[in-house]
C-alpha atoms as a PDB file:
ATOM      1  CA  MET A   1      34.722  27.596 -20.327  1.00  0.00           C
ATOM      2  CA  LYS A   2      37.349  25.130 -19.050  1.00  0.00           C
ATOM      3  CA  ASP A   3      36.502  26.036 -15.453  1.00  0.00           C
ATOM      4  CA  LYS A   4      32.811  25.415 -16.080  1.00  0.00           C
ATOM      5  CA  ILE A   5      33.450  22.044 -17.733  1.00  0.00           C
ATOM      6  CA  PHE A   6      35.758  21.006 -14.884  1.00  0.00           C
ATOM      7  CA  SER A   7      33.153  22.159 -12.337  1.00  0.00           C
ATOM      8  CA  TRP A   8      30.431  20.056 -13.944  1.00  0.00           C
ATOM      9  CA  ILE A   9      32.748  17.049 -14.020  1.00  0.00           C
ATOM     10  CA  MET A  10      33.469  17.472 -10.296  1.00  0.00           C
ATOM     11  CA  ILE A  11      29.799  17.803  -9.329  1.00  0.00           C
ATOM     12  CA  LEU A  12      28.690  14.868 -11.480  1.00  0.00           C
ATOM     13  CA  ALA A  13      31.585  12.797 -10.162  1.00  0.00           C
ATOM     14  CA  LEU A  14      30.492  13.568  -6.597  1.00  0.00           C
ATOM     15  CA  ALA A  15      27.004  12.356  -7.432  1.00  0.00           C
ATOM     16  CA  LEU A  16      28.211   9.172  -9.125  1.00  0.00           C
ATOM     17  CA  VAL A  17      30.709   8.308  -6.373  1.00  0.00           C
ATOM     18  CA  SER A  18      27.996   8.827  -3.741  1.00  0.00           C
ATOM     19  CA  ILE A  19      25.640   6.431  -5.528  1.00  0.00           C
ATOM     20  CA  LEU A  20      28.376   3.804  -5.927  1.00  0.00           C
ATOM     21  CA  LEU A  21      29.563   4.116  -2.316  1.00  0.00           C
ATOM     22  CA  ALA A  22      25.999   3.714  -1.052  1.00  0.00           C
ATOM     23  CA  LYS A  23      25.874   0.306  -2.748  1.00  0.00           C
ATOM     24  CA  LEU A  24      28.767  -1.020  -0.648  1.00  0.00           C
ATOM     25  CA  ASP A  25      27.499  -3.608   1.820  1.00  0.00           C
ATOM     26  CA  ILE A  26      28.854  -1.831   4.891  1.00  0.00           C
ATOM     27  CA  LEU A  27      27.040   1.390   3.975  1.00  0.00           C
ATOM     28  CA  ALA A  28      23.934  -0.174   2.443  1.00  0.00           C
ATOM     29  CA  ASN A  29      23.372  -2.283   5.580  1.00  0.00           C
ATOM     30  CA  SER A  30      23.733   0.858   7.715  1.00  0.00           C
ATOM     31  CA  GLY A  31      20.950   2.588   5.788  1.00  0.00           C
ATOM     32  CA  ILE A  32      23.169   5.499   4.723  1.00  0.00           C
ATOM     33  CA  SER A  33      21.667   7.038   1.607  1.00  0.00           C
ATOM     34  CA  PRO A  34      23.733   8.358  -1.319  1.00  0.00           C
ATOM     35  CA  LEU A  35      22.268  11.793  -0.651  1.00  0.00           C
ATOM     36  CA  ILE A  36      23.896  12.006   2.765  1.00  0.00           C
ATOM     37  CA  LEU A  37      27.164  10.709   1.329  1.00  0.00           C
ATOM     38  CA  ALA A  38      27.013  13.381  -1.390  1.00  0.00           C
ATOM     39  CA  ILE A  39      26.675  16.219   1.084  1.00  0.00           C
ATOM     40  CA  PHE A  40      29.565  14.874   3.188  1.00  0.00           C
ATOM     41  CA  LEU A  41      31.776  14.503   0.144  1.00  0.00           C
ATOM     42  CA  GLY A  42      30.859  18.033  -0.923  1.00  0.00           C
ATOM     43  CA  ALA A  43      31.647  19.401   2.541  1.00  0.00           C
ATOM     44  CA  ALA A  44      34.999  17.586   2.560  1.00  0.00           C
ATOM     45  CA  LEU A  45      35.867  19.052  -0.826  1.00  0.00           C
ATOM     46  CA  GLY A  46      34.692  22.510   0.217  1.00  0.00           C
ATOM     47  CA  ASN A  47      36.882  22.585   3.318  1.00  0.00           C
ATOM     48  CA  LEU A  48      39.935  20.649   2.138  1.00  0.00           C
ATOM     49  CA  ALA A  49      40.175  22.075  -1.382  1.00  0.00           C
ATOM     50  CA  ARG A  50      39.002  25.663  -1.106  1.00  0.00           C
ATOM     51  CA  PRO A  51      40.485  26.816  -4.457  1.00  0.00           C
ATOM     52  CA  CYS A  52      38.605  24.035  -6.230  1.00  0.00           C
ATOM     53  CA  ALA A  53      35.368  24.838  -4.374  1.00  0.00           C
ATOM     54  CA  LYS A  54      35.773  28.549  -5.138  1.00  0.00           C
ATOM     55  CA  MET A  55      36.281  27.799  -8.816  1.00  0.00           C
ATOM     56  CA  ILE A  56      33.077  25.728  -8.873  1.00  0.00           C
ATOM     57  CA  ALA A  57      31.170  28.522  -7.149  1.00  0.00           C
ATOM     58  CA  ASP A  58      32.585  31.201  -9.458  1.00  0.00           C
ATOM     59  CA  SER A  59      31.735  29.139 -12.536  1.00  0.00           C
ATOM     60  CA  GLY A  60      28.040  29.373 -11.746  1.00  0.00           C
ATOM     61  CA  VAL A  61      27.661  25.585 -11.634  1.00  0.00           C
ATOM     62  CA  LEU A  62      27.124  25.592  -7.862  1.00  0.00           C
ATOM     63  CA  GLY A  63      24.176  27.983  -8.188  1.00  0.00           C
ATOM     64  CA  ILE A  64      22.608  25.901 -10.972  1.00  0.00           C
ATOM     65  CA  CYS A  65      22.890  22.710  -8.914  1.00  0.00           C
ATOM     66  CA  ALA A  66      21.505  24.322  -5.765  1.00  0.00           C
ATOM     67  CA  LYS A  67      18.504  25.715  -7.657  1.00  0.00           C
ATOM     68  CA  GLN A  68      17.611  24.294 -11.075  1.00  0.00           C
ATOM     69  CA  ILE A  69      19.095  20.804 -10.591  1.00  0.00           C
ATOM     70  CA  LEU A  70      17.564  20.439  -7.122  1.00  0.00           C
ATOM     71  CA  ARG A  71      14.175  21.627  -8.353  1.00  0.00           C
ATOM     72  CA  LEU A  72      14.299  19.281 -11.344  1.00  0.00           C
ATOM     73  CA  GLY A  73      15.099  16.436  -8.958  1.00  0.00           C
ATOM     74  CA  VAL A  74      12.124  17.371  -6.781  1.00  0.00           C
ATOM     75  CA  ILE A  75       9.858  17.566  -9.852  1.00  0.00           C
ATOM     76  CA  LEU A  76      10.957  14.085 -10.966  1.00  0.00           C
ATOM     77  CA  TYR A  77      10.248  12.895  -7.438  1.00  0.00           C
ATOM     78  CA  GLY A  78       6.626  13.736  -8.169  1.00  0.00           C
ATOM     79  CA  PHE A  79       6.428  10.662 -10.423  1.00  0.00           C
ATOM     80  CA  ARG A  80       7.245   8.560  -7.375  1.00  0.00           C
ATOM     81  CA  VAL A  81       4.390  10.035  -5.310  1.00  0.00           C
ATOM     82  CA  THR A  82       0.767   9.310  -6.198  1.00  0.00           C
ATOM     83  CA  PHE A  83      -2.424  11.098  -5.278  1.00  0.00           C
ATOM     84  CA  GLY A  84      -3.154   8.073  -3.141  1.00  0.00           C
ATOM     85  CA  ASP A  85      -0.165   9.047  -0.994  1.00  0.00           C
ATOM     86  CA  VAL A  86      -1.572  12.568  -0.646  1.00  0.00           C
ATOM     87  CA  ALA A  87      -4.985  11.188   0.266  1.00  0.00           C
ATOM     88  CA  ASP A  88      -3.325   9.164   3.004  1.00  0.00           C
ATOM     89  CA  ILE A  89      -1.898  12.398   4.439  1.00  0.00           C
ATOM     90  CA  GLY A  90      -5.178  14.266   4.038  1.00  0.00           C
ATOM     91  CA  VAL A  91      -6.265  17.337   5.934  1.00  0.00           C
ATOM     92  CA  TYR A  92      -3.969  16.355   8.796  1.00  0.00           C
ATOM     93  CA  GLY A  93      -0.867  16.928   6.681  1.00  0.00           C
ATOM     94  CA  VAL A  94      -2.106  20.290   5.411  1.00  0.00           C
ATOM     95  CA  GLY A  95      -2.953  21.390   8.939  1.00  0.00           C
ATOM     96  CA  ALA A  96       0.439  20.260  10.196  1.00  0.00           C
ATOM     97  CA  ALA A  97       2.212  22.284   7.499  1.00  0.00           C
ATOM     98  CA  PHE A  98       0.146  25.386   8.321  1.00  0.00           C
ATOM     99  CA  VAL A  99       0.888  25.155  12.050  1.00  0.00           C
ATOM    100  CA  VAL A 100       4.609  24.600  11.447  1.00  0.00           C
ATOM    101  CA  VAL A 101       4.948  27.530   9.024  1.00  0.00           C
ATOM    102  CA  PHE A 102       3.100  30.198  10.975  1.00  0.00           C
ATOM    103  CA  GLY A 103       3.867  28.814  14.438  1.00  0.00           C
ATOM    104  CA  THR A 104       7.600  28.673  13.748  1.00  0.00           C
ATOM    105  CA  PHE A 105       7.644  32.148  12.261  1.00  0.00           C
ATOM    106  CA  GLY A 106       5.723  33.614  15.196  1.00  0.00           C
ATOM    107  CA  LEU A 107       7.968  31.966  17.771  1.00  0.00           C
ATOM    108  CA  GLY A 108      11.127  32.952  15.925  1.00  0.00           C
ATOM    109  CA  TYR A 109      10.125  36.568  15.421  1.00  0.00           C
ATOM    110  CA  PHE A 110       9.119  37.264  19.016  1.00  0.00           C
ATOM    111  CA  ALA A 111      11.995  35.223  20.504  1.00  0.00           C
ATOM    112  CA  GLY A 112      14.448  37.049  18.238  1.00  0.00           C
ATOM    113  CA  VAL A 113      13.150  40.443  19.292  1.00  0.00           C
ATOM    114  CA  ARG A 114      13.340  39.428  22.955  1.00  0.00           C
ATOM    115  CA  LEU A 115      16.950  38.347  22.439  1.00  0.00           C
ATOM    116  CA  GLY A 116      17.745  41.795  21.055  1.00  0.00           C
ATOM    117  CA  LEU A 117      18.114  40.626  17.463  1.00  0.00           C
ATOM    118  CA  ASP A 118      17.487  42.973  14.556  1.00  0.00           C
ATOM    119  CA  LYS A 119      13.834  42.574  13.468  1.00  0.00           C
ATOM    120  CA  LYS A 120      14.662  41.971   9.815  1.00  0.00           C
ATOM    121  CA  LEU A 121      17.219  39.324  10.698  1.00  0.00           C
ATOM    122  CA  ALA A 122      14.716  37.656  13.064  1.00  0.00           C
ATOM    123  CA  ILE A 123      12.201  37.545  10.193  1.00  0.00           C
ATOM    124  CA  LEU A 124      14.733  36.058   7.777  1.00  0.00           C
ATOM    125  CA  ILE A 125      15.968  33.350  10.178  1.00  0.00           C
ATOM    126  CA  SER A 126      12.419  32.423  11.216  1.00  0.00           C
ATOM    127  CA  SER A 127      11.174  32.279   7.634  1.00  0.00           C
ATOM    128  CA  GLY A 128      14.048  30.054   6.535  1.00  0.00           C
ATOM    129  CA  ALA A 129      13.364  27.593   9.360  1.00  0.00           C
ATOM    130  CA  ALA A 130       9.585  27.688   8.901  1.00  0.00           C
ATOM    131  CA  ILE A 131       9.138  27.286   5.149  1.00  0.00           C
ATOM    132  CA  CYS A 132      11.866  26.120   2.782  1.00  0.00           C
ATOM    133  CA  GLY A 133      15.289  27.244   3.913  1.00  0.00           C
ATOM    134  CA  ALA A 134      17.449  29.481   1.754  1.00  0.00           C
ATOM    135  CA  ALA A 135      14.752  29.875  -0.914  1.00  0.00           C
ATOM    136  CA  ALA A 136      12.387  31.333   1.680  1.00  0.00           C
ATOM    137  CA  VAL A 137      15.127  33.624   2.999  1.00  0.00           C
ATOM    138  CA  MET A 138      15.677  35.035  -0.490  1.00  0.00           C
ATOM    139  CA  ALA A 139      11.958  35.437  -1.150  1.00  0.00           C
ATOM    140  CA  VAL A 140      11.333  37.154   2.189  1.00  0.00           C
ATOM    141  CA  GLN A 141      14.346  39.399   1.631  1.00  0.00           C
ATOM    142  CA  SER A 142      12.541  40.840  -1.396  1.00  0.00           C
ATOM    143  CA  VAL A 143       9.699  41.868   0.918  1.00  0.00           C
ATOM    144  CA  VAL A 144      11.583  43.275   3.917  1.00  0.00           C
ATOM    145  CA  LYS A 145      14.391  44.725   1.751  1.00  0.00           C
ATOM    146  CA  SER A 146      17.207  43.440   3.921  1.00  0.00           C
ATOM    147  CA  ASP A 147      20.909  43.759   3.138  1.00  0.00           C
ATOM    148  CA  SER A 148      23.171  40.939   1.995  1.00  0.00           C
ATOM    149  CA  ASN A 149      24.891  40.550   5.385  1.00  0.00           C
ATOM    150  CA  ARG A 150      21.616  39.647   7.106  1.00  0.00           C
ATOM    151  CA  VAL A 151      20.757  37.269   4.279  1.00  0.00           C
ATOM    152  CA  ALA A 152      24.159  35.555   4.583  1.00  0.00           C
ATOM    153  CA  VAL A 153      23.691  35.032   8.336  1.00  0.00           C
ATOM    154  CA  ALA A 154      20.146  33.672   7.862  1.00  0.00           C
ATOM    155  CA  VAL A 155      21.259  31.283   5.129  1.00  0.00           C
ATOM    156  CA  GLY A 156      24.171  30.225   7.350  1.00  0.00           C
ATOM    157  CA  THR A 157      21.766  29.143  10.105  1.00  0.00           C
ATOM    158  CA  VAL A 158      19.720  27.189   7.557  1.00  0.00           C
ATOM    159  CA  VAL A 159      22.819  25.365   6.315  1.00  0.00           C
ATOM    160  CA  ILE A 160      24.071  24.585   9.821  1.00  0.00           C
ATOM    161  CA  PHE A 161      20.852  23.439  11.475  1.00  0.00           C
ATOM    162  CA  GLY A 162      19.288  21.941   8.379  1.00  0.00           C
ATOM    163  CA  THR A 163      22.356  19.764   7.886  1.00  0.00           C
ATOM    164  CA  LEU A 164      22.442  18.868  11.580  1.00  0.00           C
ATOM    165  CA  GLY A 165      18.770  17.864  11.364  1.00  0.00           C
ATOM    166  CA  MET A 166      19.391  15.858   8.207  1.00  0.00           C
ATOM    167  CA  ILE A 167      21.970  13.809  10.099  1.00  0.00           C
ATOM    168  CA  CYS A 168      20.090  13.505  13.406  1.00  0.00           C
ATOM    169  CA  TYR A 169      16.496  12.969  12.245  1.00  0.00           C
ATOM    170  CA  PRO A 170      16.875   9.305  11.179  1.00  0.00           C
ATOM    171  CA  PHE A 171      18.294   8.481  14.622  1.00  0.00           C
ATOM    172  CA  ILE A 172      15.609  10.517  16.422  1.00  0.00           C
ATOM    173  CA  ALA A 173      12.869   8.793  14.401  1.00  0.00           C
ATOM    174  CA  SER A 174      14.377   5.419  15.287  1.00  0.00           C
ATOM    175  CA  LEU A 175      14.573   6.275  19.005  1.00  0.00           C
ATOM    176  CA  ALA A 176      10.955   7.442  18.899  1.00  0.00           C
ATOM    177  CA  GLY A 177       9.955   4.085  17.429  1.00  0.00           C
ATOM    178  CA  PHE A 178       8.398   5.727  14.373  1.00  0.00           C
ATOM    179  CA  SER A 179       7.195   3.788  11.384  1.00  0.00           C
ATOM    180  CA  SER A 180       8.369   5.001   7.975  1.00  0.00           C
ATOM    181  CA  THR A 181       5.074   6.898   7.585  1.00  0.00           C
ATOM    182  CA  GLN A 182       5.508   8.629  10.937  1.00  0.00           C
ATOM    183  CA  GLY A 183       9.157   9.349  10.178  1.00  0.00           C
ATOM    184  CA  GLY A 184       8.146  10.887   6.852  1.00  0.00           C
ATOM    185  CA  MET A 185       5.657  13.187   8.554  1.00  0.00           C
ATOM    186  CA  PHE A 186       8.270  14.078  11.197  1.00  0.00           C
ATOM    187  CA  SER A 187      10.948  15.077   8.690  1.00  0.00           C
ATOM    188  CA  GLY A 188       8.671  16.672   6.080  1.00  0.00           C
ATOM    189  CA  ALA A 189       6.876  18.819   8.630  1.00  0.00           C
ATOM    190  CA  SER A 190       9.937  20.179  10.384  1.00  0.00           C
ATOM    191  CA  LEU A 191      13.207  20.104   8.401  1.00  0.00           C
ATOM    192  CA  HIS A 192      14.509  23.281   6.755  1.00  0.00           C
ATOM    193  CA  GLU A 193      15.448  22.672   3.117  1.00  0.00           C
ATOM    194  CA  VAL A 194      13.785  20.396   0.571  1.00  0.00           C
ATOM    195  CA  ALA A 195      17.239  18.866   0.148  1.00  0.00           C
ATOM    196  CA  HIS A 196      17.480  18.077   3.871  1.00  0.00           C
ATOM    197  CA  VAL A 197      14.029  16.471   3.836  1.00  0.00           C
ATOM    198  CA  VAL A 198      14.903  14.300   0.862  1.00  0.00           C
ATOM    199  CA  ALA A 199      18.159  13.085   2.400  1.00  0.00           C
ATOM    200  CA  ALA A 200      16.794  12.464   5.903  1.00  0.00           C
ATOM    201  CA  SER A 201      13.598  10.735   4.771  1.00  0.00           C
ATOM    202  CA  ASN A 202      15.549   8.403   2.479  1.00  0.00           C
ATOM    203  CA  ALA A 203      17.532   7.264   5.519  1.00  0.00           C
ATOM    204  CA  ILE A 204      14.413   6.851   7.694  1.00  0.00           C
ATOM    205  CA  GLY A 205      12.553   4.219   5.727  1.00  0.00           C
ATOM    206  CA  GLU A 206      11.245   2.921   2.422  1.00  0.00           C
ATOM    207  CA  ASN A 207       7.928   4.807   2.439  1.00  0.00           C
ATOM    208  CA  ALA A 208       9.145   7.870   4.332  1.00  0.00           C
ATOM    209  CA  PRO A 209      10.237   9.951   1.300  1.00  0.00           C
ATOM    210  CA  GLN A 210       6.785   9.958  -0.308  1.00  0.00           C
ATOM    211  CA  ILE A 211       5.163  11.304   2.855  1.00  0.00           C
ATOM    212  CA  ALA A 212       8.035  13.657   3.700  1.00  0.00           C
ATOM    213  CA  ILE A 213       8.333  15.264   0.269  1.00  0.00           C
ATOM    214  CA  THR A 214       4.577  15.728  -0.054  1.00  0.00           C
ATOM    215  CA  VAL A 215       4.282  17.419   3.346  1.00  0.00           C
ATOM    216  CA  LYS A 216       7.361  19.524   2.619  1.00  0.00           C
ATOM    217  CA  MET A 217       5.934  20.639  -0.724  1.00  0.00           C
ATOM    218  CA  ILE A 218       2.775  21.771   1.069  1.00  0.00           C
ATOM    219  CA  ARG A 219       5.022  23.933   3.251  1.00  0.00           C
ATOM    220  CA  VAL A 220       6.798  25.257   0.151  1.00  0.00           C
ATOM    221  CA  LEU A 221       3.473  26.131  -1.481  1.00  0.00           C
ATOM    222  CA  MET A 222       2.609  28.193   1.596  1.00  0.00           C
ATOM    223  CA  LEU A 223       5.407  30.606   0.682  1.00  0.00           C
ATOM    224  CA  ALA A 224       3.072  32.686  -1.484  1.00  0.00           C
ATOM    225  CA  PRO A 225       0.347  33.256   1.164  1.00  0.00           C
ATOM    226  CA  PHE A 226       3.113  33.837   3.695  1.00  0.00           C
ATOM    227  CA  LEU A 227       4.564  36.624   1.529  1.00  0.00           C
ATOM    228  CA  ILE A 228       1.112  38.194   1.309  1.00  0.00           C
ATOM    229  CA  PHE A 229       0.809  37.968   5.101  1.00  0.00           C
ATOM    230  CA  LEU A 230       4.241  39.518   5.533  1.00  0.00           C
ATOM    231  CA  SER A 231       3.400  42.337   3.141  1.00  0.00           C
ATOM    232  CA  ILE A 232       0.188  43.182   4.985  1.00  0.00           C
ATOM    233  CA  PHE A 233       1.819  43.193   8.412  1.00  0.00           C
ATOM    234  CA  SER A 234       5.237  44.557   7.419  1.00  0.00           C
ATOM    235  CA  SER A 235       4.464  47.914   9.007  1.00  0.00           C
ATOM    236  CA  ALA A 236       3.904  46.307  12.399  1.00  0.00           C
ATOM    237  CA  LEU A 237       6.772  43.831  12.077  1.00  0.00           C
ATOM    238  CA  VAL A 238       9.581  45.963  10.649  1.00  0.00           C
ATOM    239  CA  GLY A 239       8.116  49.463  10.525  1.00  0.00           C
ATOM    240  CA  GLU A 240       8.338  49.616   6.733  1.00  0.00           C
ATOM    241  CA  LYS A 241       5.616  49.177   4.131  1.00  0.00           C
ATOM    242  CA  GLN A 242       6.761  46.888   1.349  1.00  0.00           C
ATOM    243  CA  LYS A 243       4.738  45.243  -1.381  1.00  0.00           C
ATOM    244  CA  ALA A 244       5.386  41.550  -1.829  1.00  0.00           C
ATOM    245  CA  ASN A 245       6.048  40.450  -5.392  1.00  0.00           C
ATOM    246  CA  VAL A 246       4.216  37.139  -5.017  1.00  0.00           C
ATOM    247  CA  ARG A 247       4.319  36.357  -8.738  1.00  0.00           C
ATOM    248  CA  ALA A 248       8.101  36.693  -8.896  1.00  0.00           C
ATOM    249  CA  ASN A 249       8.723  34.659  -5.750  1.00  0.00           C
ATOM    250  CA  PHE A 250       6.113  31.929  -6.137  1.00  0.00           C
ATOM    251  CA  PRO A 251       7.772  28.478  -6.124  1.00  0.00           C
ATOM    252  CA  TYR A 252       6.558  27.324  -9.529  1.00  0.00           C
ATOM    253  CA  PHE A 253       8.563  24.099  -9.323  1.00  0.00           C
ATOM    254  CA  ALA A 254       6.090  22.989  -6.650  1.00  0.00           C
ATOM    255  CA  LEU A 255       3.324  23.165  -9.262  1.00  0.00           C
ATOM    256  CA  TRP A 256       5.382  21.031 -11.661  1.00  0.00           C
ATOM    257  CA  PHE A 257       5.805  18.556  -8.802  1.00  0.00           C
ATOM    258  CA  VAL A 258       2.005  18.309  -8.687  1.00  0.00           C
ATOM    259  CA  VAL A 259       1.877  17.876 -12.493  1.00  0.00           C
ATOM    260  CA  ALA A 260       4.385  15.016 -12.237  1.00  0.00           C
ATOM    261  CA  MET A 261       2.248  13.468  -9.487  1.00  0.00           C
ATOM    262  CA  ALA A 262      -0.817  13.703 -11.725  1.00  0.00           C
ATOM    263  CA  VAL A 263       0.959  12.019 -14.631  1.00  0.00           C
ATOM    264  CA  GLY A 264       2.437   9.344 -12.387  1.00  0.00           C
ATOM    265  CA  SER A 265      -0.976   8.650 -10.865  1.00  0.00           C
ATOM    266  CA  ALA A 266      -2.743   8.374 -14.224  1.00  0.00           C
ATOM    267  CA  PRO A 267      -3.944   4.908 -15.341  1.00  0.00           C
ATOM    268  CA  PHE A 268      -2.038   5.218 -18.625  1.00  0.00           C
ATOM    269  CA  PHE A 269       1.338   5.832 -16.937  1.00  0.00           C
ATOM    270  CA  PRO A 270       3.538   2.703 -17.290  1.00  0.00           C
ATOM    271  CA  ARG A 271       4.963   2.676 -13.759  1.00  0.00           C
ATOM    272  CA  GLU A 272       6.512  -0.776 -14.020  1.00  0.00           C
ATOM    273  CA  THR A 273       8.525   0.289 -17.070  1.00  0.00           C
ATOM    274  CA  LEU A 274       9.461   3.888 -16.326  1.00  0.00           C
ATOM    275  CA  ILE A 275       9.669   4.232 -12.556  1.00  0.00           C
ATOM    276  CA  ALA A 276      13.108   2.541 -12.249  1.00  0.00           C
ATOM    277  CA  PRO A 277      14.940   4.801 -14.755  1.00  0.00           C
ATOM    278  CA  ILE A 278      13.127   7.839 -13.362  1.00  0.00           C
ATOM    279  CA  GLU A 279      14.261   6.938  -9.846  1.00  0.00           C
ATOM    280  CA  PHE A 280      17.870   6.545 -10.989  1.00  0.00           C
ATOM    281  CA  ALA A 281      17.848   9.894 -12.831  1.00  0.00           C
ATOM    282  CA  ASP A 282      16.139  11.519  -9.855  1.00  0.00           C
ATOM    283  CA  ASN A 283      18.671  10.161  -7.347  1.00  0.00           C
ATOM    284  CA  PHE A 284      21.539  11.261  -9.578  1.00  0.00           C
ATOM    285  CA  LEU A 285      20.206  14.828  -9.840  1.00  0.00           C
ATOM    286  CA  LEU A 286      19.496  15.009  -6.111  1.00  0.00           C
ATOM    287  CA  CYS A 287      22.992  13.734  -5.308  1.00  0.00           C
ATOM    288  CA  ALA A 288      24.444  16.452  -7.525  1.00  0.00           C
ATOM    289  CA  ALA A 289      22.374  19.021  -5.612  1.00  0.00           C
ATOM    290  CA  MET A 290      23.503  17.515  -2.286  1.00  0.00           C
ATOM    291  CA  GLY A 291      27.134  17.728  -3.336  1.00  0.00           C
ATOM    292  CA  ALA A 292      26.664  21.368  -4.271  1.00  0.00           C
ATOM    293  CA  LEU A 293      24.979  22.080  -0.942  1.00  0.00           C
ATOM    294  CA  GLY A 294      27.855  20.363   0.847  1.00  0.00           C
ATOM    295  CA  LEU A 295      30.345  22.689  -0.825  1.00  0.00           C
ATOM    296  CA  THR A 296      28.705  25.617   0.999  1.00  0.00           C
ATOM    297  CA  ILE A 297      29.216  24.050   4.442  1.00  0.00           C
ATOM    298  CA  THR A 298      32.468  25.754   5.383  1.00  0.00           C
ATOM    299  CA  LYS A 299      34.009  27.208   8.516  1.00  0.00           C
ATOM    300  CA  LYS A 300      32.987  30.625   7.211  1.00  0.00           C
ATOM    301  CA  ALA A 301      29.327  29.586   7.129  1.00  0.00           C
ATOM    302  CA  PHE A 302      29.545  28.691  10.812  1.00  0.00           C
ATOM    303  CA  SER A 303      31.386  31.871  11.838  1.00  0.00           C
ATOM    304  CA  ASN A 304      28.944  34.103   9.952  1.00  0.00           C
ATOM    305  CA  ALA A 305      26.052  32.828  12.050  1.00  0.00           C
ATOM    306  CA  GLY A 306      27.175  34.758  15.143  1.00  0.00           C
ATOM    307  CA  LYS A 307      26.090  34.214  18.746  1.00  0.00           C
ATOM    308  CA  ILE A 308      22.536  35.584  18.992  1.00  0.00           C
ATOM    309  CA  PRO A 309      21.371  34.285  15.588  1.00  0.00           C
ATOM    310  CA  PHE A 310      22.820  30.920  16.608  1.00  0.00           C
ATOM    311  CA  ILE A 311      20.818  30.998  19.848  1.00  0.00           C
ATOM    312  CA  LEU A 312      17.605  31.850  17.974  1.00  0.00           C
ATOM    313  CA  ALA A 313      18.243  29.151  15.374  1.00  0.00           C
ATOM    314  CA  SER A 314      18.892  26.662  18.215  1.00  0.00           C
ATOM    315  CA  ILE A 315      15.555  27.521  19.827  1.00  0.00           C
ATOM    316  CA  LEU A 316      13.770  27.054  16.501  1.00  0.00           C
ATOM    317  CA  PHE A 317      15.631  23.789  15.884  1.00  0.00           C
ATOM    318  CA  VAL A 318      14.452  22.331  19.202  1.00  0.00           C
ATOM    319  CA  TRP A 319      10.920  23.637  18.543  1.00  0.00           C
ATOM    320  CA  LEU A 320      10.844  22.046  15.091  1.00  0.00           C
ATOM    321  CA  ILE A 321      11.994  18.699  16.471  1.00  0.00           C
ATOM    322  CA  CYS A 322       9.314  18.809  19.185  1.00  0.00           C
ATOM    323  CA  ILE A 323       6.460  19.826  16.899  1.00  0.00           C
ATOM    324  CA  GLY A 324       7.655  17.397  14.229  1.00  0.00           C
ATOM    325  CA  LEU A 325       7.670  14.552  16.740  1.00  0.00           C
ATOM    326  CA  THR A 326       4.171  15.546  17.859  1.00  0.00           C
ATOM    327  CA  PHE A 327       2.738  15.468  14.363  1.00  0.00           C
ATOM    328  CA  GLY A 328       4.697  12.324  13.536  1.00  0.00           C
ATOM    329  CA  ALA A 329       3.351  10.504  16.593  1.00  0.00           C
ATOM    330  CA  PHE A 330      -0.246  11.032  15.459  1.00  0.00           C
ATOM    331  CA  ALA A 331       0.367  10.402  11.754  1.00  0.00           C
END
């Protein structure tokens, strides 16, 4: 019990310190969001104080932050996005998400096979990059019935390249001369984890998060049809017939995100009164999730990726940047 209490104190302290540091003039003027600070602080703690990080992981707090807390933060973000924002994205955003999901998976699978990578591992890495990072890896694992070693490697590539993208995307968007809307489309359509999208889009511009999160959630919602697709073609892809448990793996938090959007878009919702405290609570929860994610970025995560998986993940990373820039340019 003491370990769990201490772990919660550490995670919440990371979140609070990140928010306070982001308010410093030198950081605020640089456009560095508290979410990025949280993940860096978490990574520093994870690498410099391994016993402390291990205790947090063993307590179960890390898993709660990386799943339930992150998802709650995303749901609350729904209050900040209106149906008007979705209408602005329109069919273009849905089409972009579809192309990214299935195009990235197709490229990753066939490139992985050509590189001599195990087919199941190629599927896991490609799915994580295409849809929603580690959550997609875990969901797809239930279909292809892969072992934990492959899952660990796939998640490692998500952590490495998703974090790299989270750091680089604001600079790439700036070099491309993107508006905040274009930058939101760029990051939402092509970054790995929901957490990475949230952090990067916050650093890109004021309106970027609304566009980025909405597009990303469309990609997340495509997990269910993707699992059906994978189940149907599993024989051809991995030589094994597996039945996808779509109900068990469906990202229900994405539906609650839509519910929050509906409430926040309703005429009776007092936005002027409630949106500020909701934003603070949302940022606090997301910073806690970022800190937890940062704790997983260790030397071991890099070494587990290996050479060939790293090459495949690099190819997909470049592809995602290119296709993201393409969709962002026409947003």
